[in-house]
Amino acid sequence: MAPTTTELAEFQRVLAQLRTSAVALRQRYGDAAVVRRIHNDIERLDIDAGELSAVVPTPRTGDDARDDVVIVPDTPYDPSLWQDADDEGLGGQFRH
């Protein structure tokens, strides 16, 4: 069995809190369909976490870590990108 990672341990801790909250929802709302779905979702997450605990995490290499980096240029955007765009919340531009 693979050792528990910090991330997986944190996930399981939060899942336990979620389960406690779901029990409180069931007490408050009864056996409503939405409450049953929530409990079902939590059960599925628990099953997945159990399966994940048997998987050995893949170490990230330098190239894998670079996949998460998005470089945003400092240069100004081309003003034509904003042509015919409205400022949200300020209303549309009047067209004549």
N, C-alpha and C. Protein backbone atom coordinates (compact mmCIF):
# COMPACT_ATOMS: atom_id res chain seq x y z
N MET A 1 0.85 -1.18 0.00
CA MET A 1 0.00 0.00 0.00
C MET A 1 0.89 1.24 0.00
N ALA A 2 0.55 2.22 -0.79
CA ALA A 2 1.34 3.43 -0.91
C ALA A 2 1.19 4.30 0.33
N PRO A 3 2.24 5.01 0.69
CA PRO A 3 2.12 5.90 1.84
C PRO A 3 1.13 7.03 1.56
N THR A 4 0.46 7.49 2.60
CA THR A 4 -0.51 8.56 2.45
C THR A 4 0.22 9.87 2.23
N THR A 5 -0.15 10.58 1.20
CA THR A 5 0.45 11.87 0.94
C THR A 5 -0.24 12.94 1.77
N THR A 6 0.43 14.05 1.93
CA THR A 6 -0.16 15.15 2.67
C THR A 6 -1.44 15.62 2.00
N GLU A 7 -1.44 15.68 0.68
CA GLU A 7 -2.63 16.12 -0.04
C GLU A 7 -3.79 15.16 0.15
N LEU A 8 -3.50 13.87 0.12
CA LEU A 8 -4.56 12.89 0.29
C LEU A 8 -5.09 12.91 1.72
N ALA A 9 -4.20 13.08 2.69
CA ALA A 9 -4.63 13.16 4.08
C ALA A 9 -5.52 14.39 4.29
N GLU A 10 -5.16 15.50 3.68
CA GLU A 10 -5.98 16.71 3.77
C GLU A 10 -7.34 16.49 3.11
N PHE A 11 -7.34 15.83 1.95
CA PHE A 11 -8.59 15.53 1.26
C PHE A 11 -9.50 14.68 2.13
N GLN A 12 -8.93 13.66 2.75
CA GLN A 12 -9.73 12.77 3.60
C GLN A 12 -10.25 13.52 4.83
N ARG A 13 -9.48 14.45 5.36
CA ARG A 13 -9.92 15.25 6.50
C ARG A 13 -11.11 16.12 6.10
N VAL A 14 -10.99 16.77 4.95
CA VAL A 14 -12.07 17.63 4.47
C VAL A 14 -13.30 16.79 4.12
N LEU A 15 -13.09 15.61 3.57
CA LEU A 15 -14.20 14.72 3.24
C LEU A 15 -14.95 14.31 4.51
N ALA A 16 -14.23 14.08 5.59
CA ALA A 16 -14.88 13.75 6.86
C ALA A 16 -15.72 14.92 7.36
N GLN A 17 -15.22 16.14 7.19
CA GLN A 17 -16.00 17.32 7.57
C GLN A 17 -17.24 17.44 6.70
N LEU A 18 -17.08 17.18 5.41
CA LEU A 18 -18.20 17.22 4.48
C LEU A 18 -19.25 16.19 4.86
N ARG A 19 -18.81 15.01 5.24
CA ARG A 19 -19.75 13.96 5.65
C ARG A 19 -20.55 14.40 6.87
N THR A 20 -19.86 15.04 7.83
CA THR A 20 -20.54 15.54 9.03
C THR A 20 -21.59 16.59 8.65
N SER A 21 -21.24 17.48 7.74
CA SER A 21 -22.18 18.49 7.29
C SER A 21 -23.36 17.87 6.55
N ALA A 22 -23.11 16.83 5.79
CA ALA A 22 -24.18 16.15 5.06
C ALA A 22 -25.16 15.47 6.02
N VAL A 23 -24.64 14.94 7.12
CA VAL A 23 -25.52 14.35 8.13
C VAL A 23 -26.43 15.43 8.72
N ALA A 24 -25.86 16.60 8.97
CA ALA A 24 -26.66 17.71 9.49
C ALA A 24 -27.72 18.12 8.47
N LEU A 25 -27.38 18.11 7.18
CA LEU A 25 -28.36 18.43 6.14
C LEU A 25 -29.50 17.41 6.15
N ARG A 26 -29.16 16.14 6.31
CA ARG A 26 -30.20 15.10 6.32
C ARG A 26 -31.12 15.30 7.52
N GLN A 27 -30.57 15.69 8.66
CA GLN A 27 -31.39 15.94 9.84
C GLN A 27 -32.31 17.14 9.60
N ARG A 28 -31.82 18.13 8.87
CA ARG A 28 -32.59 19.36 8.64
C ARG A 28 -33.64 19.18 7.54
N TYR A 29 -33.22 18.53 6.41
CA TYR A 29 -34.10 18.44 5.23
C TYR A 29 -34.73 17.07 5.03
N GLY A 30 -34.37 16.12 5.86
CA GLY A 30 -34.95 14.80 5.72
C GLY A 30 -34.32 14.03 4.56
N ASP A 31 -35.08 13.10 4.03
CA ASP A 31 -34.58 12.21 2.98
C ASP A 31 -34.94 12.73 1.59
N ALA A 32 -34.77 14.02 1.39
CA ALA A 32 -35.06 14.62 0.08
C ALA A 32 -34.09 14.07 -0.96
N ALA A 33 -34.51 14.08 -2.21
CA ALA A 33 -33.68 13.56 -3.30
C ALA A 33 -32.33 14.26 -3.36
N VAL A 34 -32.33 15.56 -3.18
CA VAL A 34 -31.07 16.31 -3.25
C VAL A 34 -30.12 15.89 -2.13
N VAL A 35 -30.66 15.59 -0.96
CA VAL A 35 -29.83 15.15 0.16
C VAL A 35 -29.26 13.76 -0.13
N ARG A 36 -30.07 12.89 -0.70
CA ARG A 36 -29.58 11.56 -1.08
C ARG A 36 -28.46 11.67 -2.10
N ARG A 37 -28.60 12.59 -3.07
CA ARG A 37 -27.55 12.77 -4.08
C ARG A 37 -26.26 13.26 -3.43
N ILE A 38 -26.38 14.18 -2.48
CA ILE A 38 -25.19 14.67 -1.78
C ILE A 38 -24.49 13.53 -1.06
N HIS A 39 -25.26 12.70 -0.35
CA HIS A 39 -24.68 11.55 0.34
C HIS A 39 -24.04 10.58 -0.65
N ASN A 40 -24.69 10.38 -1.78
CA ASN A 40 -24.14 9.51 -2.82
C ASN A 40 -22.83 10.07 -3.35
N ASP A 41 -22.78 11.38 -3.59
CA ASP A 41 -21.56 12.01 -4.07
C ASP A 41 -20.42 11.85 -3.06
N ILE A 42 -20.73 12.01 -1.80
CA ILE A 42 -19.71 11.85 -0.75
C ILE A 42 -19.21 10.42 -0.71
N GLU A 43 -20.13 9.48 -0.85
CA GLU A 43 -19.74 8.07 -0.88
C GLU A 43 -18.81 7.79 -2.06
N ARG A 44 -19.13 8.37 -3.21
CA ARG A 44 -18.28 8.19 -4.40
C ARG A 44 -16.89 8.79 -4.18
N LEU A 45 -16.85 9.97 -3.57
CA LEU A 45 -15.56 10.59 -3.27
C LEU A 45 -14.75 9.73 -2.30
N ASP A 46 -15.43 9.12 -1.34
CA ASP A 46 -14.75 8.26 -0.38
C ASP A 46 -14.17 7.03 -1.07
N ILE A 47 -14.94 6.45 -1.99
CA ILE A 47 -14.45 5.30 -2.76
C ILE A 47 -13.24 5.71 -3.59
N ASP A 48 -13.33 6.84 -4.27
CA ASP A 48 -12.22 7.32 -5.10
C ASP A 48 -10.97 7.61 -4.27
N ALA A 49 -11.16 8.20 -3.10
CA ALA A 49 -10.02 8.48 -2.22
C ALA A 49 -9.36 7.18 -1.77
N GLY A 50 -10.17 6.17 -1.49
CA GLY A 50 -9.62 4.87 -1.12
C GLY A 50 -8.81 4.25 -2.24
N GLU A 51 -9.32 4.35 -3.46
CA GLU A 51 -8.58 3.84 -4.61
C GLU A 51 -7.30 4.64 -4.83
N LEU A 52 -7.38 5.94 -4.64
CA LEU A 52 -6.22 6.80 -4.84
C LEU A 52 -5.12 6.51 -3.82
N SER A 53 -5.51 6.08 -2.62
CA SER A 53 -4.50 5.79 -1.61
C SER A 53 -3.63 4.59 -2.00
N ALA A 54 -4.09 3.77 -2.94
CA ALA A 54 -3.32 2.62 -3.40
C ALA A 54 -2.41 2.98 -4.58
N VAL A 55 -2.54 4.20 -5.10
CA VAL A 55 -1.75 4.63 -6.25
C VAL A 55 -0.52 5.37 -5.76
N VAL A 56 0.62 5.02 -6.34
CA VAL A 56 1.85 5.73 -5.99
C VAL A 56 1.89 7.02 -6.81
N PRO A 57 2.03 8.18 -6.13
CA PRO A 57 2.08 9.45 -6.88
C PRO A 57 3.26 9.46 -7.85
N THR A 58 3.02 10.03 -9.00
CA THR A 58 4.06 10.15 -10.00
C THR A 58 4.89 11.40 -9.69
N PRO A 59 6.19 11.24 -9.52
CA PRO A 59 7.00 12.43 -9.26
C PRO A 59 7.02 13.34 -10.48
N ARG A 60 6.96 14.62 -10.23
CA ARG A 60 6.96 15.58 -11.33
C ARG A 60 8.39 15.89 -11.73
N THR A 61 8.62 15.89 -12.99
CA THR A 61 9.95 16.25 -13.50
C THR A 61 9.95 17.73 -13.82
N GLY A 62 11.07 18.24 -14.17
CA GLY A 62 11.18 19.65 -14.51
C GLY A 62 10.26 20.04 -15.66
N ASP A 63 10.14 19.16 -16.67
CA ASP A 63 9.28 19.46 -17.81
C ASP A 63 7.81 19.46 -17.43
N ASP A 64 7.39 18.52 -16.56
CA ASP A 64 6.00 18.47 -16.11
C ASP A 64 5.63 19.73 -15.35
N ALA A 65 6.53 20.20 -14.50
CA ALA A 65 6.26 21.38 -13.70
C ALA A 65 6.09 22.60 -14.60
N ARG A 66 6.77 22.64 -15.71
CA ARG A 66 6.67 23.79 -16.61
C ARG A 66 5.32 23.84 -17.31
N ASP A 67 4.61 22.72 -17.39
CA ASP A 67 3.30 22.71 -18.04
C ASP A 67 2.29 23.61 -17.32
N ASP A 68 2.48 23.81 -16.02
CA ASP A 68 1.55 24.62 -15.24
C ASP A 68 1.82 26.12 -15.36
N VAL A 69 2.97 26.47 -15.92
CA VAL A 69 3.35 27.88 -16.00
C VAL A 69 2.76 28.51 -17.26
N VAL A 70 2.05 29.61 -17.08
CA VAL A 70 1.52 30.36 -18.21
C VAL A 70 2.21 31.71 -18.21
N ILE A 71 2.89 32.02 -19.28
CA ILE A 71 3.61 33.28 -19.37
C ILE A 71 2.68 34.33 -19.97
N VAL A 72 2.48 35.41 -19.24
CA VAL A 72 1.64 36.51 -19.69
C VAL A 72 2.58 37.67 -20.03
N PRO A 73 2.56 38.12 -21.27
CA PRO A 73 3.50 39.18 -21.66
C PRO A 73 3.15 40.52 -20.99
N ASP A 74 4.18 41.33 -20.79
CA ASP A 74 4.00 42.66 -20.21
C ASP A 74 3.60 43.70 -21.26
N THR A 75 3.70 43.33 -22.51
CA THR A 75 3.40 44.29 -23.57
C THR A 75 1.90 44.58 -23.61
N PRO A 76 1.53 45.80 -24.01
CA PRO A 76 0.10 46.14 -24.08
C PRO A 76 -0.62 45.27 -25.13
N TYR A 77 -1.89 45.03 -24.86
CA TYR A 77 -2.70 44.29 -25.82
C TYR A 77 -3.01 45.16 -27.03
N ASP A 78 -3.25 44.51 -28.15
CA ASP A 78 -3.63 45.20 -29.36
C ASP A 78 -5.02 45.80 -29.15
N PRO A 79 -5.18 47.13 -29.29
CA PRO A 79 -6.49 47.76 -29.05
C PRO A 79 -7.60 47.20 -29.94
N SER A 80 -7.27 46.62 -31.08
CA SER A 80 -8.32 46.09 -31.96
C SER A 80 -9.02 44.89 -31.31
N LEU A 81 -8.39 44.27 -30.30
CA LEU A 81 -9.04 43.17 -29.60
C LEU A 81 -10.31 43.63 -28.88
N TRP A 82 -10.33 44.90 -28.50
CA TRP A 82 -11.44 45.44 -27.71
C TRP A 82 -12.42 46.23 -28.57
N GLN A 83 -12.21 46.25 -29.87
CA GLN A 83 -13.11 46.97 -30.77
C GLN A 83 -14.52 46.38 -30.66
N ASP A 84 -15.50 47.24 -30.55
CA ASP A 84 -16.91 46.85 -30.43
C ASP A 84 -17.22 46.16 -29.10
N ALA A 85 -16.35 46.24 -28.13
CA ALA A 85 -16.62 45.64 -26.82
C ALA A 85 -17.23 46.70 -25.91
N ASP A 86 -18.13 46.29 -25.05
CA ASP A 86 -18.76 47.18 -24.09
C ASP A 86 -18.12 46.97 -22.72
N ASP A 87 -18.04 48.03 -21.95
CA ASP A 87 -17.58 47.91 -20.58
C ASP A 87 -18.71 47.32 -19.76
N GLU A 88 -18.45 46.21 -19.13
CA GLU A 88 -19.48 45.54 -18.34
C GLU A 88 -19.94 46.45 -17.20
N GLY A 89 -21.22 46.59 -17.06
CA GLY A 89 -21.78 47.40 -15.99
C GLY A 89 -21.95 48.86 -16.35
N LEU A 90 -21.39 49.28 -17.47
CA LEU A 90 -21.51 50.69 -17.87
C LEU A 90 -22.52 50.88 -18.98
N GLY A 91 -23.10 49.82 -19.45
CA GLY A 91 -24.08 49.93 -20.53
C GLY A 91 -23.40 49.87 -21.87
N GLY A 92 -24.17 49.63 -22.89
CA GLY A 92 -23.62 49.51 -24.24
C GLY A 92 -23.31 50.86 -24.83
N GLN A 93 -22.46 50.83 -25.84
CA GLN A 93 -22.14 52.04 -26.57
C GLN A 93 -23.31 52.33 -27.52
N PHE A 94 -23.66 53.59 -27.62
CA PHE A 94 -24.73 53.95 -28.55
C PHE A 94 -24.22 53.84 -29.96
N ARG A 95 -24.99 53.23 -30.80
CA ARG A 95 -24.59 53.05 -32.20
C ARG A 95 -25.48 53.97 -33.04
N HIS A 96 -24.86 54.72 -33.93
CA HIS A 96 -25.62 55.64 -34.79
C HIS A 96 -25.63 55.15 -36.20
